[in-house]
């Protein structure tokens, strides 16, 4: 699926909000990402665990009317939406690309996920992505979380919270690389999309995304 259908599949509650904001520039939703890269005792990468925190406007929209006034929206209340989002996100690979030594990793079906409203009233989404085959990093790996159409802007939290290596072999490290400055052609596409409400181009979101570089001796 593409376009509006994909956005509906991803965030059902946000569909009306996205179309109501037709005069807005891309992106429409901002997400702060915290990710754990989990290793097995044998030193293989076994899972990526994401905790995404949504911006104030989306959070206010998503929680509207779900809990009595003065109370937070709990995981139990959010369970139906979390289940729908988890299913839709699976079709998109959870916007997550993990490469180890040049090979793109595949994820197993997800069973651990939830949403909740935090004490600061921002909505958090948690999901665990287990690799189908745990794999060691012999040299380098990379982790990318990005929406290629740039409707959602994913940005890793500041170090050291943004990325954590859990039980990694001695000597393994991570570093965050920022995207390169846009060239004049890309800037024009982004400016045009502001006025037309069209996506700035296929895979444009990848150009705007930060990458995590993983290295093991």
Protein backbone atom coordinates (compact mmCIF):
# COMPACT_ATOMS: atom_id res chain seq x y z
CA UNK A 1 0.00 0.00 0.00
CA UNK A 2 1.10 3.58 -0.63
CA UNK A 3 0.13 7.12 0.28
CA UNK A 4 -2.90 7.66 2.49
CA UNK A 5 -3.54 3.93 2.85
CA UNK A 6 -0.12 3.41 4.37
CA UNK A 7 -0.61 6.29 6.79
CA UNK A 8 -3.95 4.86 7.84
CA UNK A 9 -2.37 1.49 8.44
CA UNK A 10 0.31 3.06 10.59
CA UNK A 11 -1.56 5.45 12.86
CA UNK A 12 -5.31 4.94 12.57
CA UNK A 13 -6.12 7.71 15.02
CA UNK A 14 -3.96 10.19 13.13
CA UNK A 15 -5.62 9.78 9.73
CA UNK A 16 -8.19 12.54 10.17
CA UNK A 17 -5.57 14.76 11.77
CA UNK A 18 -3.17 14.29 8.85
CA UNK A 19 -5.74 15.25 6.24
CA UNK A 20 -7.02 18.14 8.36
CA UNK A 21 -3.50 19.57 8.36
CA UNK A 22 -3.27 19.89 4.58
CA UNK A 23 -1.53 23.27 4.80
CA UNK A 24 1.29 21.94 6.94
CA UNK A 25 4.75 21.06 5.71
CA UNK A 26 6.28 17.66 6.07
CA UNK A 27 6.70 15.95 8.43
CA UNK A 28 3.36 15.66 10.25
CA UNK A 29 4.51 13.66 13.27
CA UNK A 30 7.76 13.89 15.23
CA UNK A 31 9.12 10.93 17.16
CA UNK A 32 12.03 10.77 19.60
CA UNK A 33 13.66 7.35 19.43
CA UNK A 34 15.45 5.38 22.13
CA UNK A 35 16.74 1.98 21.02
CA UNK A 36 18.44 -0.92 22.78
CA UNK A 37 20.56 -3.31 20.75
CA UNK A 38 20.41 -6.58 22.68
CA UNK A 39 23.09 -9.27 22.41
CA UNK A 40 23.01 -12.94 23.38
CA UNK A 41 25.57 -14.35 25.85
CA UNK A 42 27.42 -15.63 22.76
CA UNK A 43 27.79 -12.08 21.42
CA UNK A 44 25.14 -12.17 18.70
CA UNK A 45 22.64 -9.38 18.07
CA UNK A 46 19.26 -10.85 18.98
CA UNK A 47 16.84 -7.90 19.16
CA UNK A 48 16.24 -4.20 18.67
CA UNK A 49 14.00 -2.76 21.40
CA UNK A 50 12.43 0.58 20.52
CA UNK A 51 10.80 3.15 22.77
CA UNK A 52 9.30 5.94 20.67
CA UNK A 53 7.92 9.15 22.19
CA UNK A 54 5.53 11.24 20.10
CA UNK A 55 5.29 15.01 19.91
CA UNK A 56 2.83 17.05 21.98
CA UNK A 57 0.28 17.61 19.23
CA UNK A 58 0.03 13.98 18.17
CA UNK A 59 -0.03 12.86 21.81
CA UNK A 60 -2.90 15.24 22.61
CA UNK A 61 -4.84 13.98 19.61
CA UNK A 62 -4.21 10.30 20.37
CA UNK A 63 -5.26 10.55 24.03
CA UNK A 64 -8.30 12.77 23.54
CA UNK A 65 -11.34 11.28 25.27
CA UNK A 66 -9.70 7.97 26.15
CA UNK A 67 -9.43 8.48 29.93
CA UNK A 68 -11.34 10.44 32.59
CA UNK A 69 -10.15 14.00 33.03
CA UNK A 70 -7.02 14.16 35.14
CA UNK A 71 -6.07 10.53 34.51
CA UNK A 72 -3.43 9.16 32.18
CA UNK A 73 -4.24 6.77 29.34
CA UNK A 74 -2.91 3.41 30.47
CA UNK A 75 -1.48 0.53 28.48
CA UNK A 76 -4.73 -1.36 29.00
CA UNK A 77 -6.80 1.44 27.47
CA UNK A 78 -4.36 1.84 24.60
CA UNK A 79 -4.20 -1.94 23.97
CA UNK A 80 -6.54 -2.02 20.92
CA UNK A 81 -4.70 0.83 19.19
CA UNK A 82 -1.31 -0.64 20.10
CA UNK A 83 -2.37 -3.96 18.56
CA UNK A 84 -3.59 -2.26 15.37
CA UNK A 85 -0.45 -0.16 15.09
CA UNK A 86 1.81 -3.14 15.69
CA UNK A 87 0.10 -5.04 12.89
CA UNK A 88 0.31 -2.12 10.47
CA UNK A 89 3.90 -1.33 11.37
CA UNK A 90 4.86 -4.94 10.64
CA UNK A 91 3.99 -4.32 6.98
CA UNK A 92 6.47 -1.42 7.01
CA UNK A 93 9.22 -3.25 8.86
CA UNK A 94 8.69 -0.95 11.83
CA UNK A 95 10.54 1.69 9.81
CA UNK A 96 13.66 -0.08 11.02
CA UNK A 97 16.59 -1.24 8.91
CA UNK A 98 19.36 -3.18 10.61
CA UNK A 99 22.37 -4.21 8.55
CA UNK A 100 25.18 -6.40 9.87
CA UNK A 101 28.35 -6.81 7.82
CA UNK A 102 26.51 -5.73 4.69
CA UNK A 103 23.45 -7.96 5.11
CA UNK A 104 19.97 -6.69 5.94
CA UNK A 105 18.51 -8.51 8.95
CA UNK A 106 14.98 -9.91 9.02
CA UNK A 107 12.74 -9.63 12.08
CA UNK A 108 10.48 -12.28 13.57
CA UNK A 109 6.77 -11.60 14.19
CA UNK A 110 6.39 -9.15 17.06
CA UNK A 111 4.80 -10.23 20.34
CA UNK A 112 5.99 -7.53 22.75
CA UNK A 113 4.50 -4.05 22.30
CA UNK A 114 2.47 -1.45 24.17
CA UNK A 115 1.44 2.21 24.21
CA UNK A 116 0.89 4.49 27.17
CA UNK A 117 0.59 8.15 28.14
CA UNK A 118 3.57 9.27 30.20
CA UNK A 119 3.40 11.63 33.19
CA UNK A 120 4.42 14.49 30.86
CA UNK A 121 1.37 13.60 28.70
CA UNK A 122 3.43 12.43 25.75
CA UNK A 123 2.47 9.10 24.17
CA UNK A 124 5.10 6.35 24.17
CA UNK A 125 5.15 3.28 21.94
CA UNK A 126 7.31 0.29 22.91
CA UNK A 127 8.14 -2.62 20.64
CA UNK A 128 10.68 -5.43 20.64
CA UNK A 129 11.99 -6.63 17.27
CA UNK A 130 13.62 -10.05 17.56
CA UNK A 131 15.91 -11.08 14.72
CA UNK A 132 14.85 -14.25 12.93
CA UNK A 133 18.46 -15.36 13.21
CA UNK A 134 20.69 -13.85 15.93
CA UNK A 135 23.82 -12.63 14.18
CA UNK A 136 27.26 -11.51 15.42
CA UNK A 137 28.86 -8.27 14.25
CA UNK A 138 32.22 -9.29 12.84
CA UNK A 139 33.06 -5.78 11.66
CA UNK A 140 30.32 -3.18 11.23
CA UNK A 141 26.59 -2.79 11.49
CA UNK A 142 24.11 0.05 11.03
CA UNK A 143 20.70 0.89 12.45
CA UNK A 144 18.31 3.21 10.62
CA UNK A 145 14.85 4.27 11.80
CA UNK A 146 13.17 6.38 9.13
CA UNK A 147 9.99 6.95 7.15
CA UNK A 148 11.06 7.09 3.48
CA UNK A 149 8.12 9.38 2.65
CA UNK A 150 9.04 11.75 5.52
CA UNK A 151 5.52 12.03 6.94
CA UNK A 152 7.05 10.96 10.25
CA UNK A 153 10.33 12.41 11.44
CA UNK A 154 12.23 9.92 13.61
CA UNK A 155 15.16 11.33 15.56
CA UNK A 156 17.33 9.46 18.05
CA UNK A 157 17.45 10.93 21.54
CA UNK A 158 20.68 12.51 22.72
CA UNK A 159 23.51 10.19 23.84
CA UNK A 160 23.72 8.09 25.86
CA UNK A 161 19.95 7.50 26.00
CA UNK A 162 19.45 7.36 22.24
CA UNK A 163 21.15 4.01 21.69
CA UNK A 164 22.21 1.46 24.30
CA UNK A 165 24.16 -1.75 23.67
CA UNK A 166 22.94 -4.43 26.08
CA UNK A 167 25.44 -7.19 26.95
CA UNK A 168 27.59 -6.40 23.92
CA UNK A 169 30.97 -8.17 23.58
CA UNK A 170 33.98 -6.23 24.92
CA UNK A 171 35.14 -3.53 22.55
CA UNK A 172 31.83 -3.03 20.74
CA UNK A 173 30.72 0.57 20.33
CA UNK A 174 28.10 2.74 18.67
CA UNK A 175 28.17 6.19 17.12
CA UNK A 176 25.45 8.40 15.69
CA UNK A 177 25.95 9.97 12.27
CA UNK A 178 23.84 12.96 11.30
CA UNK A 179 22.44 13.38 7.76
CA UNK A 180 24.37 15.38 5.22
CA UNK A 181 23.14 18.91 4.40
CA UNK A 182 20.54 18.97 1.62
CA UNK A 183 21.63 20.04 -1.83
CA UNK A 184 19.74 22.74 -3.72
CA UNK A 185 17.57 20.21 -5.56
CA UNK A 186 16.39 18.55 -2.36
CA UNK A 187 15.72 21.91 -0.72
CA UNK A 188 13.51 22.86 -3.65
CA UNK A 189 11.57 19.59 -3.39
CA UNK A 190 11.01 20.14 0.33
CA UNK A 191 9.87 23.73 -0.26
CA UNK A 192 7.47 22.66 -3.00
CA UNK A 193 5.99 19.96 -0.78
CA UNK A 194 5.16 22.65 1.80
CA UNK A 195 2.78 24.35 -0.62
CA UNK A 196 1.42 21.28 -2.40
CA UNK A 197 1.19 18.89 0.60
CA UNK A 198 2.87 16.22 -1.52
CA UNK A 199 5.65 13.95 -0.38
CA UNK A 200 9.03 15.47 -1.35
CA UNK A 201 10.02 12.26 -3.14
CA UNK A 202 10.62 8.55 -2.72
CA UNK A 203 13.11 7.71 0.02
CA UNK A 204 13.50 11.40 0.89
CA UNK A 205 13.14 10.54 4.56
CA UNK A 206 16.29 8.42 4.40
CA UNK A 207 18.26 11.52 3.42
CA UNK A 208 16.96 13.32 6.51
CA UNK A 209 17.60 10.48 8.96
CA UNK A 210 20.44 9.85 11.37
CA UNK A 211 22.15 6.44 11.39
CA UNK A 212 23.67 4.45 14.19
CA UNK A 213 26.99 2.82 13.30
CA UNK A 214 27.79 -0.34 15.26
CA UNK A 215 31.34 -1.63 15.46
CA UNK A 216 32.82 -4.72 17.09
CA UNK A 217 36.47 -5.86 17.03
